[in-house]
Amino acid sequence: MLQHFPLPQYEGYFSHFEKHLEIKWNNDEANDSYILQFIDQDTIMTIQAKKEQLITFGHQLEKEWHQSPVVE
């Protein structure tokens, strides 16, 4: 999802149907960036980054995901 950020259809909220992961975001226009909250059960991680940085991170994360070993 991050490699195409922000996707208008999610309207600032994304939830993975199989996992406990939620992502909420707001546009911080004053700083030309986004504030994201990654929520996993009782853990909330907040980051602030520019759109281009989030897209780059999304591509890197997807690449790592596909190259990681499968654990069963």
C-alpha atoms as a PDB file:
ATOM      1  CA  MET A   1       0.000   0.000   0.000  1.00  0.00           C
ATOM      2  CA  LEU A   2       2.795   2.450   0.825  1.00  0.00           C
ATOM      3  CA  GLN A   3       4.419   2.122  -2.607  1.00  0.00           C
ATOM      4  CA  HIS A   4       1.341   3.919  -4.026  1.00  0.00           C
ATOM      5  CA  PHE A   5       0.735   6.259  -1.091  1.00  0.00           C
ATOM      6  CA  PRO A   6      -1.686   7.897  -0.508  1.00  0.00           C
ATOM      7  CA  LEU A   7      -4.487   5.842  -2.025  1.00  0.00           C
ATOM      8  CA  PRO A   8      -7.648   8.001  -2.040  1.00  0.00           C
ATOM      9  CA  GLN A   9      -9.994   5.024  -1.641  1.00  0.00           C
ATOM     10  CA  TYR A  10      -8.669   4.387   1.883  1.00  0.00           C
ATOM     11  CA  GLU A  11      -9.462   7.946   3.031  1.00  0.00           C
ATOM     12  CA  GLY A  12      -6.746   8.037   5.694  1.00  0.00           C
ATOM     13  CA  TYR A  13      -7.340   4.541   7.096  1.00  0.00           C
ATOM     14  CA  PHE A  14      -6.107   1.078   6.085  1.00  0.00           C
ATOM     15  CA  SER A  15      -6.674  -2.221   7.868  1.00  0.00           C
ATOM     16  CA  HIS A  16      -5.268  -5.596   6.834  1.00  0.00           C
ATOM     17  CA  PHE A  17      -8.037  -8.168   6.930  1.00  0.00           C
ATOM     18  CA  GLU A  18      -5.795 -11.079   8.025  1.00  0.00           C
ATOM     19  CA  LYS A  19      -3.544  -9.291  10.506  1.00  0.00           C
ATOM     20  CA  HIS A  20      -4.010  -6.947  13.430  1.00  0.00           C
ATOM     21  CA  LEU A  21      -2.376  -4.119  11.484  1.00  0.00           C
ATOM     22  CA  GLU A  22      -4.039  -0.750  11.013  1.00  0.00           C
ATOM     23  CA  ILE A  23      -2.573   2.378   9.448  1.00  0.00           C
ATOM     24  CA  LYS A  24      -4.056   5.840   9.950  1.00  0.00           C
ATOM     25  CA  TRP A  25      -2.690   9.001   8.392  1.00  0.00           C
ATOM     26  CA  ASN A  26      -3.220  12.733   8.181  1.00  0.00           C
ATOM     27  CA  ASN A  27      -1.719  15.264   5.817  1.00  0.00           C
ATOM     28  CA  ASP A  28       0.435  17.852   7.596  1.00  0.00           C
ATOM     29  CA  GLU A  29       0.269  20.553   4.931  1.00  0.00           C
ATOM     30  CA  ALA A  30       2.349  23.028   6.953  1.00  0.00           C
ATOM     31  CA  ASN A  31       5.333  20.645   6.775  1.00  0.00           C
ATOM     32  CA  ASP A  32       4.496  19.087   3.378  1.00  0.00           C
ATOM     33  CA  SER A  33       4.381  15.660   5.000  1.00  0.00           C
ATOM     34  CA  TYR A  34       2.121  12.960   6.409  1.00  0.00           C
ATOM     35  CA  ILE A  35       1.770  11.712   9.959  1.00  0.00           C
ATOM     36  CA  LEU A  36       1.182   7.958  10.026  1.00  0.00           C
ATOM     37  CA  GLN A  37       0.178   5.760  12.926  1.00  0.00           C
ATOM     38  CA  PHE A  38       0.895   2.047  12.615  1.00  0.00           C
ATOM     39  CA  ILE A  39      -1.333   0.211  15.086  1.00  0.00           C
ATOM     40  CA  ASP A  40      -0.754  -3.445  15.964  1.00  0.00           C
ATOM     41  CA  GLN A  41      -2.943  -4.592  18.833  1.00  0.00           C
ATOM     42  CA  ASP A  42      -1.795  -2.435  21.776  1.00  0.00           C
ATOM     43  CA  THR A  43       1.261  -0.927  20.078  1.00  0.00           C
ATOM     44  CA  ILE A  44       1.103   2.418  18.262  1.00  0.00           C
ATOM     45  CA  MET A  45       4.084   3.609  16.234  1.00  0.00           C
ATOM     46  CA  THR A  46       3.962   7.128  14.800  1.00  0.00           C
ATOM     47  CA  ILE A  47       6.132   8.482  12.004  1.00  0.00           C
ATOM     48  CA  GLN A  48       6.158  11.684   9.993  1.00  0.00           C
ATOM     49  CA  ALA A  49       7.520  11.671   6.454  1.00  0.00           C
ATOM     50  CA  LYS A  50       7.126  13.214   3.039  1.00  0.00           C
ATOM     51  CA  LYS A  51       5.041  11.400   0.422  1.00  0.00           C
ATOM     52  CA  GLU A  52       8.110  10.564  -1.689  1.00  0.00           C
ATOM     53  CA  GLN A  53       9.872   9.028   1.319  1.00  0.00           C
ATOM     54  CA  LEU A  54       6.845   6.838   2.078  1.00  0.00           C
ATOM     55  CA  ILE A  55       6.647   5.632  -1.517  1.00  0.00           C
ATOM     56  CA  THR A  56      10.361   4.761  -1.546  1.00  0.00           C
ATOM     57  CA  PHE A  57       9.985   2.959   1.783  1.00  0.00           C
ATOM     58  CA  GLY A  58       6.978   1.044   0.419  1.00  0.00           C
ATOM     59  CA  HIS A  59       8.988  -0.187  -2.575  1.00  0.00           C
ATOM     60  CA  GLN A  60      11.901  -1.221  -0.341  1.00  0.00           C
ATOM     61  CA  LEU A  61       9.568  -3.029   2.058  1.00  0.00           C
ATOM     62  CA  GLU A  62       7.848  -4.900  -0.775  1.00  0.00           C
ATOM     63  CA  LYS A  63      11.230  -5.966  -2.195  1.00  0.00           C
ATOM     64  CA  GLU A  64      12.400  -7.244   1.204  1.00  0.00           C
ATOM     65  CA  TRP A  65       9.081  -9.047   1.711  1.00  0.00           C
ATOM     66  CA  HIS A  66       9.461 -10.972  -1.566  1.00  0.00           C
ATOM     67  CA  GLN A  67      13.107 -11.844  -0.832  1.00  0.00           C
ATOM     68  CA  SER A  68      12.559 -13.001   2.737  1.00  0.00           C
ATOM     69  CA  PRO A  69      12.466 -16.716   3.534  1.00  0.00           C
ATOM     70  CA  VAL A  70       9.106 -18.374   4.105  1.00  0.00           C
ATOM     71  CA  VAL A  71       8.674 -19.750   7.609  1.00  0.00           C
ATOM     72  CA  GLU A  72       5.947 -22.325   8.201  1.00  0.00           C
END
